[in-house]
Amino acid sequence: MTYLVNDKCIKCKLMDCVEVCPVDCFYEGKNMLVIKPDECIDCGVCEPECPIGAIVPDSLEESNKWLELNTKYAEIWPNITEKKEPPEDHKKYENEENKFEKYFKENL
C-alpha cells in the first residue's frame, strides 16, 4: 500500500504533510502536491496531518485515478522537503468539489 494525494489538495497546498514525511516523497506542482508511490514507505504519518483529507491510501476504490496522477507528476515536478505557506485564497477552495476538472494544472 502507498498513500496518494487527491484533488482536494488542488488550490489548497497546506503542506503539513511535507513537514512530517520521513522519506521526502512529496512533489510540488503549480497548484497541488503529489506523492511518489515508489518512494512512499506507507508509514501513514502524512494522512492525519492533512486537515482537508487530501491524502488517501491506494486501497480505496477510487484510488486508481490518483495513483496514475501521482506516479506521472512525481516524475516531472520537483521534490519538496520543506513546508511553504499555502496560497492566500486556499480557504475559499477547501470544500469545493470537482477541483481536478476545474483547476488542475500540469505545470509542464
Protein backbone atom coordinates (compact mmCIF):
# COMPACT_ATOMS: atom_id res chain seq x y z
CA MET A 1 0.00 0.00 0.00
CA THR A 2 1.03 3.59 -0.58
CA TYR A 3 -0.55 6.94 0.09
CA LEU A 4 -1.72 9.31 -2.62
CA VAL A 5 -2.77 12.92 -2.94
CA ASN A 6 -6.19 13.52 -4.48
CA ASP A 7 -7.89 16.61 -5.90
CA LYS A 8 -8.76 18.04 -2.50
CA CYS A 9 -5.19 19.40 -2.46
CA ILE A 10 -5.72 21.50 -5.59
CA LYS A 11 -5.54 25.22 -4.83
CA CYS A 12 -5.01 24.47 -1.12
CA LYS A 13 -1.47 23.02 -0.78
CA LEU A 14 -1.43 23.18 3.00
CA MET A 15 1.86 21.21 3.22
CA ASP A 16 1.64 19.97 6.80
CA CYS A 17 2.22 16.56 5.21
CA VAL A 18 5.58 17.61 3.75
CA GLU A 19 6.85 18.57 7.16
CA VAL A 20 6.24 15.11 8.69
CA CYS A 21 7.27 12.84 5.78
CA PRO A 22 10.34 10.84 6.84
CA VAL A 23 11.36 10.00 3.25
CA ASP A 24 10.61 13.27 1.43
CA CYS A 25 8.33 11.68 -1.17
CA PHE A 26 6.25 14.79 -1.94
CA TYR A 27 6.50 16.67 -5.22
CA GLU A 28 5.10 20.12 -5.92
CA GLY A 29 3.13 21.26 -8.92
CA LYS A 30 1.67 24.65 -9.65
CA ASN A 31 -1.46 24.12 -7.58
CA MET A 32 -1.16 20.74 -5.82
CA LEU A 33 1.24 18.21 -4.36
CA VAL A 34 1.69 14.54 -5.25
CA ILE A 35 3.36 11.59 -3.55
CA LYS A 36 5.83 9.40 -5.44
CA PRO A 37 4.39 5.92 -4.80
CA ASP A 38 7.75 4.16 -5.26
CA GLU A 39 9.30 6.30 -2.53
CA CYS A 40 6.43 6.21 -0.04
CA ILE A 41 7.16 3.78 2.80
CA ASP A 42 3.50 3.52 3.80
CA CYS A 43 4.09 4.88 7.27
CA GLY A 44 0.87 6.88 7.17
CA VAL A 45 2.09 9.87 9.18
CA CYS A 46 1.07 12.28 6.40
CA GLU A 47 -2.58 11.23 6.19
CA PRO A 48 -3.79 12.65 9.54
CA GLU A 49 -1.70 15.81 9.04
CA CYS A 50 -3.84 16.92 6.09
CA PRO A 51 -6.73 18.94 7.54
CA ILE A 52 -8.79 18.63 4.34
CA GLY A 53 -8.41 14.89 3.74
CA ALA A 54 -6.40 15.16 0.52
CA ILE A 55 -4.16 12.18 1.36
CA VAL A 56 -5.69 8.73 0.93
CA PRO A 57 -4.45 5.13 0.90
CA ASP A 58 -4.23 3.48 -2.51
CA SER A 59 -6.54 0.72 -1.27
CA LEU A 60 -9.63 2.89 -1.79
CA GLU A 61 -11.77 2.02 -4.81
CA GLU A 62 -11.38 5.45 -6.43
CA SER A 63 -7.59 5.50 -5.97
CA ASN A 64 -6.58 4.24 -9.44
CA LYS A 65 -7.01 7.70 -10.96
CA TRP A 66 -4.90 9.25 -8.20
CA LEU A 67 -2.24 6.53 -8.40
CA GLU A 68 -1.74 7.30 -12.09
CA LEU A 69 -1.67 11.04 -11.49
CA ASN A 70 0.72 10.85 -8.52
CA THR A 71 3.05 8.49 -10.37
CA LYS A 72 3.15 10.62 -13.51
CA TYR A 73 3.69 14.01 -11.91
CA ALA A 74 6.15 12.85 -9.25
CA GLU A 75 8.45 12.11 -12.20
CA ILE A 76 8.01 15.62 -13.63
CA TRP A 77 7.55 18.03 -10.72
CA PRO A 78 10.33 19.00 -8.28
CA ASN A 79 10.71 17.32 -4.93
CA ILE A 80 9.64 19.39 -1.93
CA THR A 81 11.12 18.80 1.51
CA GLU A 82 10.07 21.87 3.48
CA LYS A 83 6.67 23.29 4.28
CA LYS A 84 5.73 26.52 2.49
CA GLU A 85 2.86 28.88 3.06
CA PRO A 86 -0.40 27.88 1.33
CA PRO A 87 -1.97 30.11 -1.32
CA GLU A 88 -3.61 33.18 0.22
CA ASP A 89 -7.07 32.19 -1.00
CA HIS A 90 -6.85 28.50 -0.05
CA LYS A 91 -9.76 28.62 2.43
CA LYS A 92 -12.10 29.51 -0.43
CA TYR A 93 -11.34 26.17 -2.14
CA GLU A 94 -11.12 23.74 0.80
CA ASN A 95 -14.61 22.27 0.47
CA GLU A 96 -15.12 22.68 -3.25
CA GLU A 97 -16.00 19.58 -5.29
CA ASN A 98 -14.56 18.51 -8.68
CA LYS A 99 -11.44 20.63 -8.34
CA PHE A 100 -9.44 18.43 -10.71
CA GLU A 101 -11.73 19.17 -13.65
CA LYS A 102 -11.90 22.87 -12.80
CA TYR A 103 -8.38 23.81 -11.75
CA PHE A 104 -5.70 21.17 -12.30
CA LYS A 105 -2.51 22.49 -13.93
CA GLU A 106 0.19 20.19 -15.28
CA ASN A 107 2.92 22.75 -14.65
CA LEU A 108 5.00 21.45 -17.53
